[in-house]
């Protein structure tokens, strides 16, 4: 190989349609509202929610998609916000716990049931469990205790409040039946 080839700097080419490497403007639909924000392509949805949009319900715990503390709804499905790039969330409906925790000035039935059953201790995992429980009940309105246990298996509580959480979900299911809850 000729030495002259090694001395020439490489010329990086950005393929058409690729954004970055710096911040790029995106519009994310969060809790039913379009929100414009500049993000670096490497930033996760969790980082953008917490650090740029001040929506701090989703928590950073494992940062590996294994604990559920950062759970949000993406097009109605529970997703770990730490595993989604914010730039990839464009065009999707994102719902955080802040988007449904209060409905008409009253707590959502899942939130109220968590309070009724002391389904939290330190509270760090609670928003993720509330989001997961809402999504679970949206698709399983009449669950058994075992179905609740399995259905929330993607969320972890380090304080061990699982009994209260499962009882809260069963109570919320009864409350939500026939109701018009968001």
N, C-alpha and C. Protein backbone atom coordinates (compact mmCIF):
# COMPACT_ATOMS: atom_id res chain seq x y z
N UNK A 1 0.85 -1.17 0.00
CA UNK A 1 0.00 0.00 0.00
C UNK A 1 0.90 1.24 0.00
N UNK A 2 0.60 2.21 -0.81
CA UNK A 2 1.40 3.42 -0.94
C UNK A 2 1.23 4.31 0.29
N UNK A 3 2.33 4.86 0.83
CA UNK A 3 2.24 5.73 2.01
C UNK A 3 1.33 6.93 1.79
N UNK A 4 1.23 7.43 0.59
CA UNK A 4 0.39 8.61 0.33
C UNK A 4 -1.07 8.33 0.65
N UNK A 5 -1.53 7.10 0.45
CA UNK A 5 -2.92 6.76 0.76
C UNK A 5 -3.18 6.79 2.25
N UNK A 6 -2.22 6.39 3.04
CA UNK A 6 -2.40 6.36 4.48
C UNK A 6 -2.41 7.76 5.10
N UNK A 7 -1.79 8.71 4.42
CA UNK A 7 -1.68 10.05 4.97
C UNK A 7 -2.90 10.92 4.67
N UNK A 8 -3.80 10.48 3.83
CA UNK A 8 -4.97 11.27 3.49
C UNK A 8 -6.08 11.01 4.50
N UNK A 9 -6.68 12.07 5.02
CA UNK A 9 -7.78 11.88 5.97
C UNK A 9 -9.00 11.27 5.28
N UNK A 10 -9.70 10.44 6.01
CA UNK A 10 -10.91 9.82 5.47
C UNK A 10 -12.00 10.87 5.33
N UNK A 11 -12.76 10.78 4.30
CA UNK A 11 -13.86 11.70 4.05
C UNK A 11 -15.17 10.98 4.38
N UNK A 12 -15.76 11.32 5.51
CA UNK A 12 -17.02 10.69 5.91
C UNK A 12 -18.15 11.29 5.10
N UNK A 13 -19.01 10.45 4.66
CA UNK A 13 -20.19 10.87 3.90
C UNK A 13 -21.43 10.47 4.69
N UNK A 14 -22.34 11.40 4.89
CA UNK A 14 -23.60 11.10 5.56
C UNK A 14 -24.61 10.70 4.51
N UNK A 15 -25.15 9.47 4.62
CA UNK A 15 -26.15 9.04 3.64
C UNK A 15 -27.38 9.95 3.66
N UNK A 16 -28.02 10.08 2.53
CA UNK A 16 -29.23 10.90 2.42
C UNK A 16 -30.28 10.38 3.40
N UNK A 17 -30.95 11.29 4.08
CA UNK A 17 -32.02 10.93 5.00
C UNK A 17 -31.55 10.65 6.42
N UNK A 18 -30.22 10.64 6.65
CA UNK A 18 -29.70 10.38 7.98
C UNK A 18 -29.50 11.72 8.69
N UNK A 19 -30.00 11.83 9.92
CA UNK A 19 -29.89 13.06 10.68
C UNK A 19 -28.78 12.94 11.70
N UNK A 20 -28.21 14.07 12.06
CA UNK A 20 -27.18 14.08 13.08
C UNK A 20 -25.84 14.39 12.46
N UNK A 21 -24.77 14.32 13.15
CA UNK A 21 -24.61 13.80 14.50
C UNK A 21 -25.05 14.76 15.59
N UNK A 22 -25.23 16.03 15.30
CA UNK A 22 -25.66 16.99 16.31
C UNK A 22 -27.16 16.93 16.56
N UNK A 23 -27.64 17.86 17.36
CA UNK A 23 -29.06 17.91 17.70
C UNK A 23 -29.91 18.21 16.46
N UNK A 24 -31.05 17.56 16.39
CA UNK A 24 -31.98 17.75 15.29
C UNK A 24 -33.37 18.02 15.88
N UNK A 25 -34.17 18.82 15.20
CA UNK A 25 -35.52 19.10 15.70
C UNK A 25 -36.45 17.93 15.43
N UNK A 26 -37.24 17.58 16.44
CA UNK A 26 -38.26 16.53 16.29
C UNK A 26 -39.53 17.02 16.94
N UNK A 27 -40.63 16.42 16.55
CA UNK A 27 -41.91 16.66 17.21
C UNK A 27 -42.40 15.33 17.75
N UNK A 28 -42.58 15.28 19.05
CA UNK A 28 -43.08 14.07 19.71
C UNK A 28 -44.49 14.35 20.20
N UNK A 29 -45.38 13.40 20.02
CA UNK A 29 -46.75 13.54 20.52
C UNK A 29 -46.81 12.87 21.88
N UNK A 30 -46.86 13.69 22.92
CA UNK A 30 -46.82 13.20 24.28
C UNK A 30 -48.07 13.65 25.02
N UNK A 31 -48.77 12.67 25.56
CA UNK A 31 -50.01 12.92 26.29
C UNK A 31 -50.99 13.73 25.44
N UNK A 32 -51.03 13.40 24.15
CA UNK A 32 -51.95 14.01 23.22
C UNK A 32 -51.54 15.35 22.66
N UNK A 33 -50.38 15.86 23.05
CA UNK A 33 -49.94 17.18 22.59
C UNK A 33 -48.64 17.07 21.81
N UNK A 34 -48.57 17.75 20.67
CA UNK A 34 -47.29 17.76 19.95
C UNK A 34 -46.28 18.64 20.69
N UNK A 35 -45.09 18.11 20.88
CA UNK A 35 -44.04 18.85 21.58
C UNK A 35 -42.79 18.87 20.70
N UNK A 36 -42.34 20.07 20.40
CA UNK A 36 -41.13 20.24 19.58
C UNK A 36 -39.94 20.31 20.51
N UNK A 37 -38.89 19.58 20.15
CA UNK A 37 -37.69 19.53 20.97
C UNK A 37 -36.50 19.17 20.09
N UNK A 38 -35.34 19.67 20.43
CA UNK A 38 -34.11 19.29 19.73
C UNK A 38 -33.47 18.14 20.48
N UNK A 39 -33.16 17.08 19.76
CA UNK A 39 -32.55 15.91 20.38
C UNK A 39 -31.34 15.47 19.56
N UNK A 40 -30.39 14.90 20.25
CA UNK A 40 -29.31 14.23 19.55
C UNK A 40 -29.82 12.84 19.20
N UNK A 41 -29.46 12.31 18.05
CA UNK A 41 -29.98 10.99 17.65
C UNK A 41 -29.70 9.88 18.65
N UNK A 42 -28.73 10.04 19.50
CA UNK A 42 -28.39 9.01 20.49
C UNK A 42 -29.22 9.09 21.77
N UNK A 43 -30.02 10.16 21.96
CA UNK A 43 -30.77 10.35 23.20
C UNK A 43 -31.98 9.44 23.26
N UNK A 44 -32.18 8.84 24.43
CA UNK A 44 -33.34 7.98 24.61
C UNK A 44 -34.58 8.81 24.91
N UNK A 45 -35.72 8.18 24.71
CA UNK A 45 -36.99 8.83 25.05
C UNK A 45 -37.00 9.18 26.53
N UNK A 46 -36.47 8.32 27.38
CA UNK A 46 -36.42 8.60 28.81
C UNK A 46 -35.64 9.88 29.10
N UNK A 47 -34.46 10.03 28.48
CA UNK A 47 -33.66 11.23 28.68
C UNK A 47 -34.41 12.48 28.24
N UNK A 48 -35.06 12.41 27.11
CA UNK A 48 -35.78 13.58 26.59
C UNK A 48 -36.98 13.91 27.47
N UNK A 49 -37.73 12.91 27.88
CA UNK A 49 -38.88 13.16 28.76
C UNK A 49 -38.44 13.85 30.05
N UNK A 50 -37.43 13.31 30.68
CA UNK A 50 -37.00 13.81 31.99
C UNK A 50 -36.21 15.11 31.90
N UNK A 51 -35.24 15.17 30.99
CA UNK A 51 -34.28 16.27 30.98
C UNK A 51 -34.67 17.45 30.11
N UNK A 52 -35.51 17.21 29.10
CA UNK A 52 -35.86 18.31 28.20
C UNK A 52 -37.32 18.71 28.28
N UNK A 53 -38.19 17.79 28.68
CA UNK A 53 -39.61 18.10 28.73
C UNK A 53 -40.17 18.14 30.15
N UNK A 54 -39.33 17.90 31.13
CA UNK A 54 -39.70 17.95 32.55
C UNK A 54 -40.86 17.03 32.90
N UNK A 55 -40.93 15.90 32.24
CA UNK A 55 -41.90 14.85 32.57
C UNK A 55 -41.11 13.77 33.30
N UNK A 56 -41.16 13.81 34.62
CA UNK A 56 -40.25 13.01 35.43
C UNK A 56 -40.89 11.77 36.06
N UNK A 57 -42.09 11.40 35.62
CA UNK A 57 -42.72 10.21 36.16
C UNK A 57 -41.93 8.95 35.85
N UNK A 58 -41.50 8.80 34.62
CA UNK A 58 -40.68 7.65 34.24
C UNK A 58 -39.31 7.82 34.90
N UNK A 59 -38.84 6.78 35.56
CA UNK A 59 -37.59 6.85 36.32
C UNK A 59 -36.48 6.06 35.65
N UNK A 60 -35.24 6.55 35.83
CA UNK A 60 -34.07 5.80 35.38
C UNK A 60 -33.60 4.94 36.55
N UNK A 61 -33.64 3.63 36.34
CA UNK A 61 -33.18 2.71 37.37
C UNK A 61 -32.12 1.79 36.77
N UNK A 62 -32.53 0.84 35.95
CA UNK A 62 -31.57 -0.13 35.42
C UNK A 62 -30.88 0.38 34.15
N UNK A 63 -31.57 1.20 33.37
CA UNK A 63 -31.07 1.71 32.09
C UNK A 63 -30.75 0.58 31.11
N UNK A 64 -31.40 -0.56 31.29
CA UNK A 64 -31.17 -1.73 30.43
C UNK A 64 -32.47 -2.39 29.96
N UNK A 65 -33.60 -1.79 30.29
CA UNK A 65 -34.88 -2.36 29.88
C UNK A 65 -35.25 -3.62 30.63
N UNK A 66 -34.93 -3.68 31.92
CA UNK A 66 -35.25 -4.89 32.68
C UNK A 66 -36.11 -4.65 33.91
N UNK A 67 -36.30 -3.38 34.34
CA UNK A 67 -37.01 -3.17 35.61
C UNK A 67 -38.40 -2.56 35.46
N UNK A 68 -38.67 -1.83 34.38
CA UNK A 68 -39.99 -1.25 34.16
C UNK A 68 -40.23 0.09 34.81
N UNK A 69 -39.27 0.64 35.53
CA UNK A 69 -39.49 1.93 36.20
C UNK A 69 -39.68 3.08 35.21
N UNK A 70 -39.23 2.89 33.98
CA UNK A 70 -39.35 3.95 32.96
C UNK A 70 -40.50 3.67 31.99
N UNK A 71 -41.44 2.82 32.38
CA UNK A 71 -42.53 2.43 31.48
C UNK A 71 -43.37 3.61 31.02
N UNK A 72 -43.64 3.65 29.74
CA UNK A 72 -44.55 4.59 29.11
C UNK A 72 -45.40 3.79 28.12
N UNK A 73 -46.46 4.40 27.65
CA UNK A 73 -47.26 3.76 26.60
C UNK A 73 -46.86 4.37 25.27
N UNK A 74 -46.59 3.52 24.30
CA UNK A 74 -46.29 3.95 22.93
C UNK A 74 -47.33 3.28 22.05
N UNK A 75 -48.20 4.11 21.48
CA UNK A 75 -49.34 3.60 20.71
C UNK A 75 -50.13 2.57 21.52
N UNK A 76 -50.28 2.84 22.83
CA UNK A 76 -51.08 2.00 23.71
C UNK A 76 -50.38 0.79 24.27
N UNK A 77 -49.14 0.56 23.89
CA UNK A 77 -48.40 -0.61 24.34
C UNK A 77 -47.32 -0.18 25.33
N UNK A 78 -47.15 -0.95 26.42
CA UNK A 78 -46.12 -0.63 27.40
C UNK A 78 -44.74 -0.81 26.77
N UNK A 79 -43.92 0.22 26.92
CA UNK A 79 -42.55 0.17 26.42
C UNK A 79 -41.64 0.78 27.48
N UNK A 80 -40.41 0.31 27.51
CA UNK A 80 -39.40 0.89 28.40
C UNK A 80 -38.79 2.09 27.68
N UNK A 81 -38.95 3.28 28.24
CA UNK A 81 -38.47 4.51 27.60
C UNK A 81 -36.95 4.55 27.50
N UNK A 82 -36.26 3.77 28.33
CA UNK A 82 -34.80 3.75 28.27
C UNK A 82 -34.29 2.96 27.06
N UNK A 83 -35.18 2.25 26.38
CA UNK A 83 -34.75 1.42 25.24
C UNK A 83 -35.17 2.00 23.89
N UNK A 84 -35.82 3.15 23.90
CA UNK A 84 -36.32 3.76 22.67
C UNK A 84 -35.55 5.04 22.41
N UNK A 85 -35.03 5.20 21.21
CA UNK A 85 -34.42 6.47 20.86
C UNK A 85 -35.54 7.48 20.62
N UNK A 86 -35.37 8.68 21.16
CA UNK A 86 -36.40 9.71 21.02
C UNK A 86 -36.70 9.99 19.56
N UNK A 87 -35.67 9.99 18.73
CA UNK A 87 -35.84 10.28 17.31
C UNK A 87 -36.74 9.24 16.63
N UNK A 88 -36.73 8.00 17.16
CA UNK A 88 -37.57 6.94 16.61
C UNK A 88 -39.00 6.99 17.12
N UNK A 89 -39.27 7.83 18.13
CA UNK A 89 -40.61 7.92 18.69
C UNK A 89 -41.48 8.93 17.95
N UNK A 90 -40.92 9.59 16.95
CA UNK A 90 -41.71 10.53 16.16
C UNK A 90 -42.85 9.78 15.46
N UNK A 91 -44.01 10.43 15.40
CA UNK A 91 -45.15 9.84 14.73
C UNK A 91 -45.90 8.82 15.56
N UNK A 92 -45.49 8.63 16.80
CA UNK A 92 -46.15 7.68 17.69
C UNK A 92 -46.84 8.44 18.82
N UNK A 93 -47.88 7.85 19.36
CA UNK A 93 -48.59 8.43 20.50
C UNK A 93 -47.92 7.94 21.78
N UNK A 94 -47.32 8.85 22.52
CA UNK A 94 -46.62 8.50 23.75
C UNK A 94 -47.46 9.00 24.91
N UNK A 95 -47.72 8.11 25.87
CA UNK A 95 -48.47 8.49 27.07
C UNK A 95 -47.62 8.17 28.28
N UNK A 96 -47.41 9.19 29.11
CA UNK A 96 -46.68 9.01 30.36
C UNK A 96 -47.67 8.95 31.50
N UNK A 97 -47.20 8.61 32.67
CA UNK A 97 -48.10 8.56 33.83
C UNK A 97 -48.74 9.93 34.06
N UNK A 98 -48.03 11.01 33.74
CA UNK A 98 -48.60 12.34 33.90
C UNK A 98 -49.80 12.56 32.99
N UNK A 99 -49.89 11.81 31.90
CA UNK A 99 -50.96 11.98 30.93
C UNK A 99 -52.30 11.41 31.35
N UNK A 100 -52.31 10.53 32.36
CA UNK A 100 -53.60 9.97 32.76
C UNK A 100 -53.77 9.85 34.27
N UNK A 101 -52.78 10.21 35.06
CA UNK A 101 -52.87 10.03 36.51
C UNK A 101 -54.06 10.78 37.11
N UNK A 102 -54.34 11.94 36.57
CA UNK A 102 -55.51 12.70 37.00
C UNK A 102 -56.47 12.81 35.83
N UNK A 103 -57.72 12.51 36.08
CA UNK A 103 -58.74 12.60 35.04
C UNK A 103 -59.91 13.41 35.59
N UNK A 104 -60.13 14.57 35.01
CA UNK A 104 -61.21 15.43 35.50
C UNK A 104 -60.97 15.89 36.93
N UNK A 105 -59.70 16.08 37.31
CA UNK A 105 -59.38 16.52 38.65
C UNK A 105 -59.38 15.43 39.69
N UNK A 106 -59.66 14.22 39.27
CA UNK A 106 -59.70 13.08 40.20
C UNK A 106 -58.64 12.07 39.78
N UNK A 107 -58.10 11.34 40.76
CA UNK A 107 -57.12 10.32 40.40
C UNK A 107 -57.73 9.23 39.52
N UNK A 108 -56.95 8.77 38.56
CA UNK A 108 -57.36 7.62 37.74
C UNK A 108 -57.61 6.46 38.70
N UNK A 109 -58.55 5.56 38.39
CA UNK A 109 -58.83 4.42 39.28
C UNK A 109 -57.60 3.59 39.64
N UNK A 110 -56.64 3.44 38.75
CA UNK A 110 -55.43 2.69 39.08
C UNK A 110 -54.64 3.45 40.15
N UNK A 111 -54.50 4.74 39.98
CA UNK A 111 -53.77 5.56 40.95
C UNK A 111 -54.46 5.48 42.31
N UNK A 112 -55.77 5.65 42.33
CA UNK A 112 -56.52 5.62 43.60
C UNK A 112 -56.39 4.25 44.27
N UNK A 113 -56.43 3.20 43.49
CA UNK A 113 -56.30 1.85 44.06
C UNK A 113 -54.90 1.64 44.65
N UNK A 114 -53.87 2.20 44.02
CA UNK A 114 -52.52 2.10 44.58
C UNK A 114 -52.46 2.79 45.94
N UNK A 115 -53.12 3.94 46.06
CA UNK A 115 -53.17 4.65 47.34
C UNK A 115 -53.94 3.81 48.36
N UNK A 116 -55.09 3.29 47.96
CA UNK A 116 -55.94 2.51 48.88
C UNK A 116 -55.24 1.28 49.44
N UNK A 117 -54.34 0.69 48.66
CA UNK A 117 -53.69 -0.56 49.07
C UNK A 117 -52.23 -0.38 49.48
N UNK A 118 -51.82 0.85 49.72
CA UNK A 118 -50.42 1.11 50.08
C UNK A 118 -49.48 0.36 49.14
N UNK A 119 -49.75 0.50 47.86
CA UNK A 119 -48.99 -0.25 46.84
C UNK A 119 -47.71 0.47 46.45
N UNK A 120 -47.11 1.13 47.43
CA UNK A 120 -45.83 1.79 47.21
C UNK A 120 -45.14 1.94 48.56
N UNK A 121 -43.83 1.95 48.52
CA UNK A 121 -43.06 2.29 49.72
C UNK A 121 -42.19 3.48 49.38
N UNK A 122 -41.07 3.22 48.72
CA UNK A 122 -40.23 4.36 48.35
C UNK A 122 -40.86 5.14 47.20
N UNK A 123 -41.68 4.50 46.40
CA UNK A 123 -42.39 5.17 45.32
C UNK A 123 -41.64 5.26 44.01
N UNK A 124 -40.41 4.80 43.99
CA UNK A 124 -39.61 4.96 42.77
C UNK A 124 -40.15 4.14 41.60
N UNK A 125 -40.63 2.95 41.87
CA UNK A 125 -41.15 2.10 40.79
C UNK A 125 -42.62 2.37 40.50
N UNK A 126 -43.29 3.12 41.38
CA UNK A 126 -44.75 3.28 41.29
C UNK A 126 -45.24 3.81 39.95
N UNK A 127 -44.67 4.89 39.38
CA UNK A 127 -45.20 5.36 38.10
C UNK A 127 -45.14 4.29 37.00
N UNK A 128 -44.05 3.53 36.96
CA UNK A 128 -43.94 2.47 35.96
C UNK A 128 -44.98 1.38 36.16
N UNK A 129 -45.23 1.03 37.42
CA UNK A 129 -46.27 0.04 37.72
C UNK A 129 -47.65 0.57 37.36
N UNK A 130 -47.91 1.84 37.63
CA UNK A 130 -49.21 2.43 37.30
C UNK A 130 -49.44 2.39 35.79
N UNK A 131 -48.42 2.77 35.02
CA UNK A 131 -48.54 2.73 33.55
C UNK A 131 -48.78 1.29 33.08
N UNK A 132 -47.99 0.35 33.60
CA UNK A 132 -48.13 -1.05 33.20
C UNK A 132 -49.51 -1.60 33.60
N UNK A 133 -49.96 -1.22 34.80
CA UNK A 133 -51.27 -1.70 35.27
C UNK A 133 -52.40 -1.16 34.40
N UNK A 134 -52.33 0.11 34.03
CA UNK A 134 -53.36 0.69 33.17
C UNK A 134 -53.42 -0.05 31.84
N UNK A 135 -52.26 -0.25 31.22
CA UNK A 135 -52.22 -0.95 29.93
C UNK A 135 -52.73 -2.39 30.08
N UNK A 136 -52.34 -3.03 31.16
CA UNK A 136 -52.78 -4.40 31.41
C UNK A 136 -54.31 -4.45 31.53
N UNK A 137 -54.88 -3.54 32.30
CA UNK A 137 -56.33 -3.53 32.49
C UNK A 137 -57.08 -3.10 31.23
N UNK A 138 -56.46 -2.28 30.39
CA UNK A 138 -57.09 -1.91 29.12
C UNK A 138 -57.31 -3.14 28.25
N UNK A 139 -56.42 -4.11 28.34
CA UNK A 139 -56.56 -5.32 27.50
C UNK A 139 -57.06 -6.53 28.29
N UNK A 140 -57.08 -6.44 29.62
CA UNK A 140 -57.56 -7.53 30.48
C UNK A 140 -58.44 -6.96 31.57
N UNK A 141 -59.68 -6.58 31.24
CA UNK A 141 -60.52 -5.86 32.21
C UNK A 141 -61.02 -6.69 33.38
N UNK A 142 -60.92 -8.01 33.31
CA UNK A 142 -61.43 -8.87 34.38
C UNK A 142 -60.38 -9.91 34.77
N UNK A 143 -59.22 -9.46 35.26
CA UNK A 143 -58.14 -10.42 35.51
C UNK A 143 -58.27 -11.16 36.82
N UNK A 144 -57.63 -12.31 36.88
CA UNK A 144 -57.48 -13.04 38.14
C UNK A 144 -56.19 -12.57 38.80
N UNK A 145 -55.99 -12.96 40.03
CA UNK A 145 -54.77 -12.60 40.75
C UNK A 145 -53.54 -13.11 40.00
N UNK A 146 -53.59 -14.34 39.53
CA UNK A 146 -52.45 -14.92 38.80
C UNK A 146 -52.19 -14.19 37.49
N UNK A 147 -53.25 -13.76 36.80
CA UNK A 147 -53.07 -13.01 35.56
C UNK A 147 -52.41 -11.65 35.85
N UNK A 148 -52.79 -11.02 36.95
CA UNK A 148 -52.16 -9.75 37.34
C UNK A 148 -50.69 -10.00 37.63
N UNK A 149 -50.40 -11.05 38.37
CA UNK A 149 -49.01 -11.38 38.70
C UNK A 149 -48.18 -11.56 37.43
N UNK A 150 -48.70 -12.32 36.48
CA UNK A 150 -48.00 -12.55 35.21
C UNK A 150 -47.96 -11.28 34.36
N UNK A 151 -49.07 -10.55 34.33
CA UNK A 151 -49.18 -9.38 33.47
C UNK A 151 -48.26 -8.24 33.86
N UNK A 152 -47.88 -8.17 35.12
CA UNK A 152 -46.98 -7.11 35.58
C UNK A 152 -45.57 -7.65 35.83
N UNK A 153 -45.28 -8.80 35.27
CA UNK A 153 -43.98 -9.45 35.47
C UNK A 153 -42.80 -8.67 34.91
N UNK A 154 -43.04 -7.70 34.06
CA UNK A 154 -41.96 -6.90 33.49
C UNK A 154 -41.55 -5.71 34.35
N UNK A 155 -42.17 -5.56 35.50
CA UNK A 155 -41.85 -4.46 36.41
C UNK A 155 -41.36 -5.02 37.73
N UNK A 156 -40.33 -4.38 38.27
CA UNK A 156 -39.74 -4.82 39.53
C UNK A 156 -39.91 -3.78 40.61
N UNK A 157 -40.13 -4.26 41.84
CA UNK A 157 -40.21 -3.38 43.02
C UNK A 157 -39.17 -3.87 44.01
N UNK A 158 -38.21 -3.05 44.28
CA UNK A 158 -37.15 -3.45 45.20
C UNK A 158 -37.61 -3.45 46.66
N UNK A 159 -38.70 -2.76 46.97
CA UNK A 159 -39.21 -2.74 48.34
C UNK A 159 -40.13 -3.92 48.63
N UNK A 160 -40.56 -4.62 47.60
CA UNK A 160 -41.38 -5.81 47.79
C UNK A 160 -42.85 -5.57 48.05
N UNK A 161 -43.43 -4.56 47.43
CA UNK A 161 -44.85 -4.26 47.66
C UNK A 161 -45.76 -4.99 46.67
N UNK A 162 -45.34 -6.13 46.20
CA UNK A 162 -46.09 -6.84 45.16
C UNK A 162 -47.51 -7.20 45.57
N UNK A 163 -47.71 -7.61 46.81
CA UNK A 163 -49.06 -7.98 47.26
C UNK A 163 -50.00 -6.78 47.14
N UNK A 164 -49.58 -5.64 47.66
CA UNK A 164 -50.40 -4.43 47.57
C UNK A 164 -50.64 -4.00 46.12
N UNK A 165 -49.61 -4.11 45.29
CA UNK A 165 -49.75 -3.75 43.87
C UNK A 165 -50.78 -4.63 43.20
N UNK A 166 -50.70 -5.93 43.42
CA UNK A 166 -51.64 -6.87 42.77
C UNK A 166 -53.06 -6.64 43.28
N UNK A 167 -53.23 -6.39 44.57
CA UNK A 167 -54.56 -6.10 45.11
C UNK A 167 -55.09 -4.79 44.54
N UNK A 168 -54.21 -3.80 44.35
CA UNK A 168 -54.62 -2.53 43.78
C UNK A 168 -55.11 -2.71 42.35
N UNK A 169 -54.44 -3.53 41.59
CA UNK A 169 -54.85 -3.76 40.20
C UNK A 169 -56.20 -4.46 40.16
N UNK A 170 -56.42 -5.41 41.05
CA UNK A 170 -57.73 -6.08 41.10
C UNK A 170 -58.83 -5.10 41.48
N UNK A 171 -58.55 -4.21 42.44
CA UNK A 171 -59.55 -3.20 42.82
C UNK A 171 -59.82 -2.25 41.65
N UNK A 172 -58.77 -1.81 40.99
CA UNK A 172 -58.94 -0.90 39.84
C UNK A 172 -59.78 -1.56 38.75
N UNK A 173 -59.58 -2.84 38.54
CA UNK A 173 -60.37 -3.56 37.53
C UNK A 173 -61.85 -3.50 37.87
N UNK A 174 -62.18 -3.72 39.13
CA UNK A 174 -63.59 -3.64 39.56
C UNK A 174 -64.14 -2.22 39.39
N UNK A 175 -63.34 -1.24 39.75
CA UNK A 175 -63.77 0.16 39.65
C UNK A 175 -63.98 0.59 38.19
N UNK A 176 -63.12 0.11 37.31
CA UNK A 176 -63.15 0.54 35.91
C UNK A 176 -64.23 -0.17 35.09
N UNK A 177 -64.73 -1.27 35.54
CA UNK A 177 -65.74 -2.01 34.77
C UNK A 177 -66.97 -1.15 34.52
N UNK A 178 -67.29 -1.00 33.25
CA UNK A 178 -68.47 -0.24 32.88
C UNK A 178 -68.29 1.25 32.99
N UNK A 179 -67.13 1.70 33.46
CA UNK A 179 -66.89 3.13 33.60
C UNK A 179 -66.28 3.71 32.35
N UNK A 180 -66.11 4.99 32.36
CA UNK A 180 -65.49 5.67 31.21
C UNK A 180 -64.17 6.26 31.65
N UNK A 181 -63.24 5.39 31.97
CA UNK A 181 -61.94 5.84 32.46
C UNK A 181 -60.94 5.90 31.33
N UNK A 182 -60.09 6.92 31.40
CA UNK A 182 -59.05 7.09 30.37
C UNK A 182 -57.96 6.07 30.54
